[in-house]
N, C-alpha and C. Protein backbone atom coordinates (compact mmCIF):
# COMPACT_ATOMS: atom_id res chain seq x y z
N MET A 1 70.02 101.04 100.50
CA MET A 1 71.40 101.05 100.94
C MET A 1 72.25 101.79 99.91
N ALA A 2 73.12 102.65 100.38
CA ALA A 2 73.98 103.45 99.50
C ALA A 2 75.07 102.58 98.88
N ASP A 3 75.47 102.97 97.68
CA ASP A 3 76.60 102.31 97.05
C ASP A 3 77.86 102.59 97.87
N ASP A 4 78.90 101.81 97.61
CA ASP A 4 80.18 102.09 98.24
C ASP A 4 80.61 103.49 97.85
N PRO A 5 81.31 104.20 98.75
CA PRO A 5 81.75 105.55 98.42
C PRO A 5 82.76 105.54 97.27
N ARG A 6 82.68 106.57 96.43
CA ARG A 6 83.64 106.72 95.35
C ARG A 6 84.99 107.16 95.91
N SER A 7 86.03 106.82 95.23
CA SER A 7 87.34 107.32 95.61
C SER A 7 87.41 108.82 95.31
N LYS A 8 88.37 109.51 95.91
CA LYS A 8 88.55 110.93 95.61
C LYS A 8 88.87 111.13 94.13
N GLU A 9 89.63 110.21 93.58
CA GLU A 9 89.99 110.31 92.16
C GLU A 9 88.73 110.22 91.28
N GLN A 10 87.83 109.30 91.62
CA GLN A 10 86.59 109.17 90.86
C GLN A 10 85.71 110.39 91.04
N ARG A 11 85.66 110.91 92.24
CA ARG A 11 84.85 112.11 92.48
C ARG A 11 85.38 113.28 91.66
N LYS A 12 86.71 113.46 91.63
CA LYS A 12 87.29 114.54 90.83
C LYS A 12 86.94 114.34 89.36
N ALA A 13 87.07 113.12 88.85
CA ALA A 13 86.72 112.85 87.46
C ALA A 13 85.25 113.16 87.19
N ASP A 14 84.38 112.82 88.13
CA ASP A 14 82.95 113.10 87.98
C ASP A 14 82.68 114.61 87.99
N VAL A 15 83.38 115.34 88.86
CA VAL A 15 83.24 116.80 88.91
C VAL A 15 83.65 117.41 87.57
N LEU A 16 84.81 117.01 87.07
CA LEU A 16 85.29 117.57 85.80
C LEU A 16 84.37 117.22 84.64
N ALA A 17 83.80 116.01 84.67
CA ALA A 17 82.85 115.63 83.63
C ALA A 17 81.60 116.50 83.70
N ARG A 18 81.11 116.78 84.89
CA ARG A 18 79.92 117.62 85.05
C ARG A 18 80.21 119.04 84.58
N LEU A 19 81.38 119.57 84.95
CA LEU A 19 81.72 120.95 84.58
C LEU A 19 81.88 121.13 83.08
N SER A 20 82.37 120.11 82.41
CA SER A 20 82.63 120.23 80.97
C SER A 20 81.50 119.67 80.11
N ALA A 21 80.44 119.19 80.74
CA ALA A 21 79.30 118.64 79.99
C ALA A 21 78.56 119.74 79.24
N PRO A 22 77.92 119.39 78.14
CA PRO A 22 77.11 120.39 77.43
C PRO A 22 76.03 120.95 78.35
N VAL A 23 75.84 122.23 78.29
CA VAL A 23 74.83 122.95 79.07
C VAL A 23 74.92 122.58 80.55
N ALA A 24 76.00 123.04 81.18
CA ALA A 24 76.25 122.77 82.60
C ALA A 24 75.43 123.74 83.45
N ASP A 25 74.28 123.29 83.90
CA ASP A 25 73.39 124.13 84.70
C ASP A 25 73.74 124.04 86.17
N ALA A 26 73.65 125.19 86.85
CA ALA A 26 74.01 125.25 88.27
C ALA A 26 73.22 126.38 88.93
N TRP A 27 73.27 126.37 90.25
CA TRP A 27 72.73 127.46 91.06
C TRP A 27 73.91 128.29 91.54
N VAL A 28 73.80 129.61 91.39
CA VAL A 28 74.86 130.52 91.80
C VAL A 28 74.33 131.39 92.93
N ALA A 29 75.03 131.34 94.06
CA ALA A 29 74.64 132.12 95.24
C ALA A 29 75.67 133.22 95.48
N THR A 30 75.15 134.42 95.70
CA THR A 30 75.98 135.56 96.06
C THR A 30 75.30 136.29 97.20
N ALA A 31 75.98 137.25 97.77
CA ALA A 31 75.39 138.05 98.84
C ALA A 31 75.82 139.49 98.66
N GLY A 32 74.91 140.39 99.00
CA GLY A 32 75.20 141.81 98.91
C GLY A 32 74.36 142.58 99.89
N ASP A 33 74.23 143.87 99.67
CA ASP A 33 73.45 144.71 100.57
C ASP A 33 72.00 144.27 100.65
N GLY A 34 71.50 143.68 99.57
CA GLY A 34 70.12 143.21 99.56
C GLY A 34 69.96 141.83 100.16
N GLY A 35 71.02 141.26 100.73
CA GLY A 35 70.95 139.94 101.32
C GLY A 35 71.39 138.86 100.34
N PRO A 36 71.09 137.60 100.65
CA PRO A 36 71.48 136.50 99.78
C PRO A 36 70.72 136.54 98.45
N TYR A 37 71.38 136.06 97.42
CA TYR A 37 70.80 136.05 96.08
C TYR A 37 71.17 134.73 95.43
N LEU A 38 70.18 133.97 94.97
CA LEU A 38 70.39 132.64 94.39
C LEU A 38 69.66 132.57 93.05
N VAL A 39 70.42 132.27 91.98
CA VAL A 39 69.80 132.20 90.65
C VAL A 39 70.40 131.04 89.85
N PRO A 40 69.60 130.47 88.94
CA PRO A 40 70.13 129.42 88.07
C PRO A 40 70.91 130.03 86.91
N PHE A 41 71.98 129.36 86.55
CA PHE A 41 72.81 129.79 85.42
C PHE A 41 73.28 128.58 84.65
N THR A 42 73.62 128.80 83.40
CA THR A 42 74.35 127.82 82.62
C THR A 42 75.78 128.33 82.56
N LEU A 43 76.72 127.47 82.92
CA LEU A 43 78.12 127.87 82.98
C LEU A 43 78.94 127.11 81.96
N ALA A 44 80.16 127.57 81.78
CA ALA A 44 81.12 126.84 80.95
C ALA A 44 82.40 126.65 81.75
N TRP A 45 83.12 125.61 81.43
CA TRP A 45 84.39 125.28 82.08
C TRP A 45 85.48 125.52 81.05
N PHE A 46 86.38 126.46 81.33
CA PHE A 46 87.40 126.88 80.36
C PHE A 46 88.68 127.22 81.10
N ARG A 47 89.75 126.52 80.77
CA ARG A 47 91.07 126.77 81.37
C ARG A 47 91.02 126.76 82.90
N GLU A 48 90.35 125.74 83.44
CA GLU A 48 90.22 125.58 84.90
C GLU A 48 89.47 126.72 85.57
N ARG A 49 88.61 127.39 84.81
CA ARG A 49 87.80 128.48 85.33
C ARG A 49 86.35 128.27 84.93
N LEU A 50 85.45 128.80 85.76
CA LEU A 50 84.02 128.80 85.45
C LEU A 50 83.70 130.11 84.75
N LEU A 51 82.98 130.02 83.64
CA LEU A 51 82.53 131.20 82.92
C LEU A 51 81.03 131.33 83.13
N LEU A 52 80.61 132.49 83.55
CA LEU A 52 79.20 132.77 83.79
C LEU A 52 78.85 133.99 82.94
N ALA A 53 77.80 133.93 82.16
CA ALA A 53 77.36 135.06 81.34
C ALA A 53 76.06 135.61 81.92
N THR A 54 76.05 136.93 82.10
CA THR A 54 74.85 137.54 82.66
C THR A 54 74.82 139.03 82.32
N GLY A 55 73.70 139.65 82.60
CA GLY A 55 73.56 141.08 82.36
C GLY A 55 74.50 141.88 83.25
N ARG A 56 75.15 142.85 82.67
CA ARG A 56 76.16 143.62 83.41
C ARG A 56 75.59 144.37 84.61
N LYS A 57 74.27 144.61 84.62
CA LYS A 57 73.65 145.34 85.74
C LYS A 57 72.90 144.41 86.69
N SER A 58 73.13 143.11 86.58
CA SER A 58 72.40 142.15 87.41
C SER A 58 72.89 142.18 88.86
N PRO A 59 72.02 141.75 89.80
CA PRO A 59 72.46 141.63 91.19
C PRO A 59 73.65 140.69 91.34
N THR A 60 73.73 139.65 90.51
CA THR A 60 74.86 138.73 90.59
C THR A 60 76.16 139.47 90.32
N VAL A 61 76.20 140.28 89.28
CA VAL A 61 77.42 141.04 88.97
C VAL A 61 77.72 142.02 90.09
N ARG A 62 76.72 142.74 90.56
CA ARG A 62 76.94 143.69 91.66
C ARG A 62 77.51 143.00 92.89
N ASN A 63 76.91 141.88 93.27
CA ASN A 63 77.35 141.18 94.48
C ASN A 63 78.76 140.62 94.33
N ILE A 64 79.05 139.98 93.21
CA ILE A 64 80.38 139.41 93.02
C ILE A 64 81.42 140.52 92.91
N ALA A 65 81.08 141.61 92.25
CA ALA A 65 82.02 142.73 92.16
C ALA A 65 82.30 143.31 93.54
N ALA A 66 81.30 143.34 94.40
CA ALA A 66 81.47 143.93 95.73
C ALA A 66 82.32 143.08 96.67
N ASN A 67 82.14 141.76 96.62
CA ASN A 67 82.89 140.94 97.58
C ASN A 67 83.79 139.89 96.93
N GLY A 68 83.73 139.76 95.62
CA GLY A 68 84.65 138.88 94.91
C GLY A 68 84.41 137.39 95.03
N ARG A 69 83.23 137.00 95.55
CA ARG A 69 82.99 135.56 95.77
C ARG A 69 81.60 135.14 95.35
N ALA A 70 81.51 133.83 95.05
CA ALA A 70 80.22 133.19 94.77
C ALA A 70 80.32 131.74 95.20
N ARG A 71 79.17 131.15 95.44
CA ARG A 71 79.09 129.72 95.72
C ARG A 71 78.20 129.11 94.66
N ILE A 72 78.68 128.03 94.06
CA ILE A 72 77.98 127.41 92.93
C ILE A 72 77.64 125.98 93.30
N GLY A 73 76.39 125.60 93.07
CA GLY A 73 75.93 124.25 93.37
C GLY A 73 75.44 123.54 92.13
N PHE A 74 75.96 122.34 91.91
CA PHE A 74 75.56 121.49 90.78
C PHE A 74 74.89 120.24 91.33
N GLY A 75 73.89 119.75 90.61
CA GLY A 75 73.35 118.43 90.87
C GLY A 75 72.22 118.39 91.88
N PRO A 76 71.58 117.23 91.95
CA PRO A 76 70.51 117.02 92.92
C PRO A 76 71.10 116.78 94.31
N THR A 77 70.23 116.67 95.30
CA THR A 77 70.69 116.54 96.69
C THR A 77 71.47 115.27 96.96
N ARG A 78 71.40 114.28 96.08
CA ARG A 78 72.14 113.04 96.27
C ARG A 78 73.27 112.86 95.26
N ASP A 79 73.73 113.99 94.73
CA ASP A 79 74.91 114.00 93.87
C ASP A 79 75.38 115.45 93.78
N VAL A 80 75.92 115.93 94.88
CA VAL A 80 76.20 117.34 95.08
C VAL A 80 77.63 117.70 94.69
N ILE A 81 77.76 118.83 94.02
CA ILE A 81 79.05 119.48 93.82
C ILE A 81 78.86 120.92 94.29
N LEU A 82 79.67 121.34 95.25
CA LEU A 82 79.66 122.72 95.72
C LEU A 82 81.01 123.33 95.43
N ILE A 83 80.99 124.50 94.82
CA ILE A 83 82.23 125.18 94.48
C ILE A 83 82.19 126.58 95.08
N GLU A 84 83.20 126.89 95.86
CA GLU A 84 83.41 128.26 96.32
C GLU A 84 84.40 128.88 95.35
N ALA A 85 83.99 129.98 94.73
CA ALA A 85 84.80 130.57 93.67
C ALA A 85 85.07 132.04 93.93
N GLU A 86 86.16 132.51 93.35
CA GLU A 86 86.57 133.90 93.48
C GLU A 86 86.59 134.55 92.10
N LEU A 87 86.17 135.80 92.06
CA LEU A 87 86.15 136.54 90.81
C LEU A 87 87.57 136.81 90.34
N GLU A 88 87.85 136.40 89.13
CA GLU A 88 89.16 136.67 88.53
C GLU A 88 89.07 137.83 87.54
N ALA A 89 87.96 137.91 86.81
CA ALA A 89 87.80 138.99 85.83
C ALA A 89 86.34 139.15 85.45
N THR A 90 85.99 140.37 85.06
CA THR A 90 84.70 140.67 84.45
C THR A 90 85.02 141.18 83.05
N LEU A 91 84.51 140.47 82.03
CA LEU A 91 84.86 140.78 80.65
C LEU A 91 83.62 141.12 79.85
N PRO A 92 83.59 142.26 79.17
CA PRO A 92 82.50 142.51 78.23
C PRO A 92 82.47 141.39 77.19
N VAL A 93 81.30 140.90 76.85
CA VAL A 93 81.22 139.75 75.94
C VAL A 93 81.89 140.01 74.60
N ALA A 94 81.85 141.25 74.12
CA ALA A 94 82.45 141.56 72.82
C ALA A 94 83.97 141.45 72.85
N GLU A 95 84.57 141.59 74.04
CA GLU A 95 86.03 141.55 74.16
C GLU A 95 86.56 140.17 74.57
N ALA A 96 85.68 139.27 74.89
CA ALA A 96 86.07 137.95 75.40
C ALA A 96 86.09 136.94 74.26
N VAL A 97 87.08 137.03 73.41
CA VAL A 97 87.12 136.20 72.21
C VAL A 97 87.22 134.72 72.55
N ASP A 98 88.26 134.33 73.28
CA ASP A 98 88.45 132.92 73.61
C ASP A 98 87.36 132.41 74.56
N GLU A 99 87.04 133.21 75.57
CA GLU A 99 86.03 132.82 76.54
C GLU A 99 84.66 132.68 75.88
N GLY A 100 84.34 133.64 74.99
CA GLY A 100 83.06 133.58 74.30
C GLY A 100 82.93 132.36 73.41
N ALA A 101 84.00 132.04 72.70
CA ALA A 101 83.98 130.85 71.84
C ALA A 101 83.82 129.59 72.67
N ALA A 102 84.53 129.50 73.78
CA ALA A 102 84.43 128.32 74.65
C ALA A 102 83.02 128.20 75.23
N TYR A 103 82.46 129.32 75.69
CA TYR A 103 81.12 129.29 76.26
C TYR A 103 80.11 128.83 75.22
N ALA A 104 80.16 129.42 74.03
CA ALA A 104 79.20 129.08 72.97
C ALA A 104 79.34 127.62 72.55
N GLU A 105 80.56 127.10 72.53
CA GLU A 105 80.77 125.70 72.14
C GLU A 105 80.15 124.74 73.14
N GLN A 106 80.20 125.07 74.43
CA GLN A 106 79.69 124.16 75.46
C GLN A 106 78.19 124.31 75.67
N ASN A 107 77.63 125.44 75.30
CA ASN A 107 76.24 125.72 75.65
C ASN A 107 75.34 125.90 74.44
N ASP A 108 74.07 126.13 74.73
CA ASP A 108 73.07 126.22 73.67
C ASP A 108 72.77 127.66 73.25
N TRP A 109 73.61 128.60 73.66
CA TRP A 109 73.46 129.97 73.20
C TRP A 109 74.80 130.69 73.30
N ASP A 110 74.90 131.81 72.61
CA ASP A 110 76.12 132.58 72.56
C ASP A 110 75.85 133.97 73.12
N PRO A 111 76.30 134.27 74.33
CA PRO A 111 76.03 135.57 74.94
C PRO A 111 76.60 136.74 74.15
N ARG A 112 77.58 136.48 73.30
CA ARG A 112 78.15 137.56 72.50
C ARG A 112 77.11 138.16 71.57
N GLU A 113 76.07 137.39 71.25
CA GLU A 113 75.00 137.89 70.41
C GLU A 113 74.04 138.83 71.17
N ALA A 114 74.15 138.85 72.49
CA ALA A 114 73.28 139.69 73.31
C ALA A 114 73.75 141.15 73.35
N GLY A 115 74.97 141.38 72.92
CA GLY A 115 75.48 142.74 72.85
C GLY A 115 76.07 143.25 74.16
N GLU A 116 76.17 144.55 74.24
CA GLU A 116 76.88 145.21 75.35
C GLU A 116 76.23 145.02 76.71
N ALA A 117 75.01 144.56 76.74
CA ALA A 117 74.32 144.40 78.03
C ALA A 117 74.87 143.23 78.84
N TYR A 118 75.66 142.35 78.22
CA TYR A 118 76.15 141.15 78.89
C TYR A 118 77.64 141.19 79.15
N VAL A 119 78.04 140.50 80.22
CA VAL A 119 79.45 140.31 80.56
C VAL A 119 79.68 138.84 80.90
N PHE A 120 80.94 138.43 80.81
CA PHE A 120 81.36 137.15 81.35
C PHE A 120 82.02 137.40 82.69
N LEU A 121 81.64 136.62 83.67
CA LEU A 121 82.36 136.58 84.94
C LEU A 121 83.26 135.36 84.89
N VAL A 122 84.53 135.57 85.09
CA VAL A 122 85.50 134.48 85.11
C VAL A 122 85.77 134.18 86.58
N LEU A 123 85.39 132.98 87.01
CA LEU A 123 85.47 132.60 88.42
C LEU A 123 86.50 131.49 88.60
N ARG A 124 87.41 131.71 89.53
CA ARG A 124 88.44 130.72 89.84
C ARG A 124 87.98 129.88 91.03
N PRO A 125 87.85 128.57 90.86
CA PRO A 125 87.47 127.73 91.99
C PRO A 125 88.52 127.80 93.10
N ALA A 126 88.07 128.01 94.31
CA ALA A 126 88.96 128.03 95.46
C ALA A 126 88.78 126.77 96.31
N ARG A 127 87.56 126.27 96.36
CA ARG A 127 87.25 125.07 97.14
C ARG A 127 86.19 124.27 96.39
N VAL A 128 86.38 122.96 96.32
CA VAL A 128 85.42 122.08 95.65
C VAL A 128 85.09 120.92 96.59
N LEU A 129 83.80 120.69 96.77
CA LEU A 129 83.31 119.57 97.57
C LEU A 129 82.39 118.74 96.70
N ALA A 130 82.43 117.41 96.86
CA ALA A 130 81.55 116.52 96.10
C ALA A 130 81.19 115.31 96.94
N TRP A 131 79.88 114.98 96.98
CA TRP A 131 79.42 113.79 97.69
C TRP A 131 78.06 113.38 97.17
N ARG A 132 77.73 112.12 97.40
CA ARG A 132 76.41 111.60 97.03
C ARG A 132 75.58 111.29 98.27
N GLU A 133 76.07 110.40 99.08
CA GLU A 133 75.35 109.98 100.28
C GLU A 133 76.22 110.26 101.50
N GLU A 134 75.68 109.96 102.66
CA GLU A 134 76.40 110.20 103.91
C GLU A 134 77.76 109.51 103.93
N ASN A 135 77.85 108.34 103.29
CA ASN A 135 79.12 107.61 103.32
C ASN A 135 80.21 108.31 102.50
N GLU A 136 79.85 109.34 101.75
CA GLU A 136 80.85 110.11 101.01
C GLU A 136 81.18 111.45 101.66
N LEU A 137 80.56 111.73 102.80
CA LEU A 137 80.89 112.98 103.49
C LEU A 137 82.36 113.04 103.90
N PRO A 138 82.92 111.98 104.47
CA PRO A 138 84.37 112.03 104.71
C PRO A 138 85.10 112.10 103.36
N GLY A 139 86.04 112.98 103.26
CA GLY A 139 86.79 113.10 102.02
C GLY A 139 86.09 113.87 100.92
N ARG A 140 85.03 114.60 101.26
CA ARG A 140 84.29 115.32 100.21
C ARG A 140 85.04 116.53 99.68
N GLU A 141 86.03 117.03 100.41
CA GLU A 141 86.79 118.19 99.94
C GLU A 141 87.85 117.74 98.93
N LEU A 142 87.70 118.20 97.69
CA LEU A 142 88.60 117.81 96.60
C LEU A 142 89.59 118.90 96.22
N MET A 143 89.24 120.15 96.56
CA MET A 143 90.11 121.29 96.28
C MET A 143 90.07 122.21 97.49
N ARG A 144 91.23 122.74 97.82
CA ARG A 144 91.33 123.72 98.90
C ARG A 144 92.33 124.79 98.47
N ASP A 145 91.98 126.04 98.72
CA ASP A 145 92.85 127.17 98.36
C ASP A 145 93.26 127.14 96.89
N GLY A 146 92.36 126.69 96.03
CA GLY A 146 92.61 126.68 94.60
C GLY A 146 93.47 125.54 94.09
N ALA A 147 93.84 124.60 94.96
CA ALA A 147 94.68 123.49 94.55
C ALA A 147 93.93 122.17 94.76
N TRP A 148 93.93 121.33 93.71
CA TRP A 148 93.32 120.01 93.85
C TRP A 148 94.06 119.21 94.90
N LEU A 149 93.34 118.50 95.73
CA LEU A 149 93.92 117.63 96.75
C LEU A 149 94.12 116.22 96.22
N VAL A 150 93.63 115.97 95.04
CA VAL A 150 93.67 114.64 94.42
C VAL A 150 94.51 114.71 93.17
């Protein structure tokens, strides 16, 4: 039997805790001419934005640059966070002073050490959903159009 559903306030707190936790691993889905593309990433949460570090020539960068969107999934199937995000900026790692410091502080590596081959994608959450079991499906939308509903 499932636990009682969490309040929206608790779900938001749980989402923010997951986003700001050390080594926040997630699946990032994009789409492009080659079809859907899904890869694991470690992200950072900085100034209400998701920071993703990857190779500047990766399919993820190409896809997000082409359509400006990504979908990010955190957690197992019984503790899901789905974020629909929009590209706000693509920053060479050497030029991303504040973002690079924040990313390195939250994670177990510093992409700035990878050199010019890497960039940070700064993603603005547009929609956030969170649920554990079926009893949390109602009210799972916590953010819409970039604004928290809670």
